């Protein structure tokens, strides 16, 4: 759900290395997800961690590499 659950002050001080803070003390991964197949991205979005990523961080092509 994006909420920090830990007890370490050090982790909280350095959380911005891997996450951006969103509204309501929620954290969003600092990531860009790239794939040639839209179906792969759909699977990530539908998975248990899909809602953690910002929708505009998903980039995909129209078809796969074909190999």
C-alpha atoms as a PDB file:
ATOM      1  CA  UNK A   1       0.000   0.000   0.000  1.00  0.00           C
ATOM      2  CA  UNK A   2       3.047   2.275  -0.039  1.00  0.00           C
ATOM      3  CA  UNK A   3       3.127   3.087   3.684  1.00  0.00           C
ATOM      4  CA  UNK A   4       6.467   2.706   5.487  1.00  0.00           C
ATOM      5  CA  UNK A   5       6.126  -0.044   8.095  1.00  0.00           C
ATOM      6  CA  UNK A   6       9.611  -0.202   9.581  1.00  0.00           C
ATOM      7  CA  UNK A   7      11.068   1.037  12.846  1.00  0.00           C
ATOM      8  CA  UNK A   8      14.528   2.110  11.684  1.00  0.00           C
ATOM      9  CA  UNK A   9      15.224   5.844  11.738  1.00  0.00           C
ATOM     10  CA  UNK A  10      18.153   5.276   9.370  1.00  0.00           C
ATOM     11  CA  UNK A  11      15.909   3.598   6.783  1.00  0.00           C
ATOM     12  CA  UNK A  12      13.403   6.433   7.019  1.00  0.00           C
ATOM     13  CA  UNK A  13      16.158   9.046   6.635  1.00  0.00           C
ATOM     14  CA  UNK A  14      17.379   7.364   3.439  1.00  0.00           C
ATOM     15  CA  UNK A  15      14.093   6.163   1.984  1.00  0.00           C
ATOM     16  CA  UNK A  16      14.276   8.846  -0.721  1.00  0.00           C
ATOM     17  CA  UNK A  17      17.116   6.917  -2.401  1.00  0.00           C
ATOM     18  CA  UNK A  18      14.606   4.391  -3.771  1.00  0.00           C
ATOM     19  CA  UNK A  19      11.204   6.007  -3.177  1.00  0.00           C
ATOM     20  CA  UNK A  20       9.443   9.329  -3.696  1.00  0.00           C
ATOM     21  CA  UNK A  21       7.058  10.466  -1.003  1.00  0.00           C
ATOM     22  CA  UNK A  22       3.497  10.868  -2.242  1.00  0.00           C
ATOM     23  CA  UNK A  23       0.501  12.262  -0.391  1.00  0.00           C
ATOM     24  CA  UNK A  24      -0.544  10.772   2.922  1.00  0.00           C
ATOM     25  CA  UNK A  25       2.947   9.517   3.899  1.00  0.00           C
ATOM     26  CA  UNK A  26       2.874   6.933   1.132  1.00  0.00           C
ATOM     27  CA  UNK A  27       5.946   6.063  -0.878  1.00  0.00           C
ATOM     28  CA  UNK A  28       6.176   5.328  -4.602  1.00  0.00           C
ATOM     29  CA  UNK A  29       9.164   3.448  -6.091  1.00  0.00           C
ATOM     30  CA  UNK A  30      11.547   5.573  -8.132  1.00  0.00           C
ATOM     31  CA  UNK A  31      11.453   3.361 -11.204  1.00  0.00           C
ATOM     32  CA  UNK A  32      10.827   3.358 -14.924  1.00  0.00           C
ATOM     33  CA  UNK A  33       9.450   0.071 -16.244  1.00  0.00           C
ATOM     34  CA  UNK A  34      10.276  -0.615 -19.906  1.00  0.00           C
ATOM     35  CA  UNK A  35       9.253  -3.586 -22.050  1.00  0.00           C
ATOM     36  CA  UNK A  36       8.457  -4.192 -25.707  1.00  0.00           C
ATOM     37  CA  UNK A  37       5.275  -6.148 -24.999  1.00  0.00           C
ATOM     38  CA  UNK A  38       2.233  -4.353 -23.534  1.00  0.00           C
ATOM     39  CA  UNK A  39       1.005  -7.660 -22.063  1.00  0.00           C
ATOM     40  CA  UNK A  40       3.994  -7.853 -19.745  1.00  0.00           C
ATOM     41  CA  UNK A  41       3.228  -4.409 -18.367  1.00  0.00           C
ATOM     42  CA  UNK A  42      -0.411  -5.370 -17.906  1.00  0.00           C
ATOM     43  CA  UNK A  43       0.712  -8.371 -15.863  1.00  0.00           C
ATOM     44  CA  UNK A  44       2.865  -6.145 -13.631  1.00  0.00           C
ATOM     45  CA  UNK A  45      -0.001  -3.683 -13.114  1.00  0.00           C
ATOM     46  CA  UNK A  46      -2.406  -6.509 -12.248  1.00  0.00           C
ATOM     47  CA  UNK A  47       0.047  -8.118  -9.817  1.00  0.00           C
ATOM     48  CA  UNK A  48       0.333  -7.514  -6.076  1.00  0.00           C
ATOM     49  CA  UNK A  49       2.788  -4.611  -6.466  1.00  0.00           C
ATOM     50  CA  UNK A  50       1.264  -3.016  -9.560  1.00  0.00           C
ATOM     51  CA  UNK A  51      -0.542  -0.282  -7.658  1.00  0.00           C
ATOM     52  CA  UNK A  52       2.710   0.948  -6.100  1.00  0.00           C
ATOM     53  CA  UNK A  53       4.017   2.307  -9.415  1.00  0.00           C
ATOM     54  CA  UNK A  54       2.916   5.535 -11.040  1.00  0.00           C
ATOM     55  CA  UNK A  55       1.064   4.850 -14.307  1.00  0.00           C
ATOM     56  CA  UNK A  56       3.239   7.280 -16.283  1.00  0.00           C
ATOM     57  CA  UNK A  57       6.358   5.254 -15.359  1.00  0.00           C
ATOM     58  CA  UNK A  58       5.303   2.378 -17.648  1.00  0.00           C
ATOM     59  CA  UNK A  59       6.726   2.467 -21.189  1.00  0.00           C
ATOM     60  CA  UNK A  60       6.090  -0.253 -23.764  1.00  0.00           C
ATOM     61  CA  UNK A  61       6.178  -0.887 -27.499  1.00  0.00           C
ATOM     62  CA  UNK A  62       3.496  -2.225 -29.791  1.00  0.00           C
ATOM     63  CA  UNK A  63       4.978  -5.706 -30.157  1.00  0.00           C
ATOM     64  CA  UNK A  64       7.698  -7.944 -28.781  1.00  0.00           C
ATOM     65  CA  UNK A  65      11.188  -8.549 -30.107  1.00  0.00           C
ATOM     66  CA  UNK A  66       9.988 -11.644 -31.951  1.00  0.00           C
ATOM     67  CA  UNK A  67      12.818 -13.952 -31.005  1.00  0.00           C
END
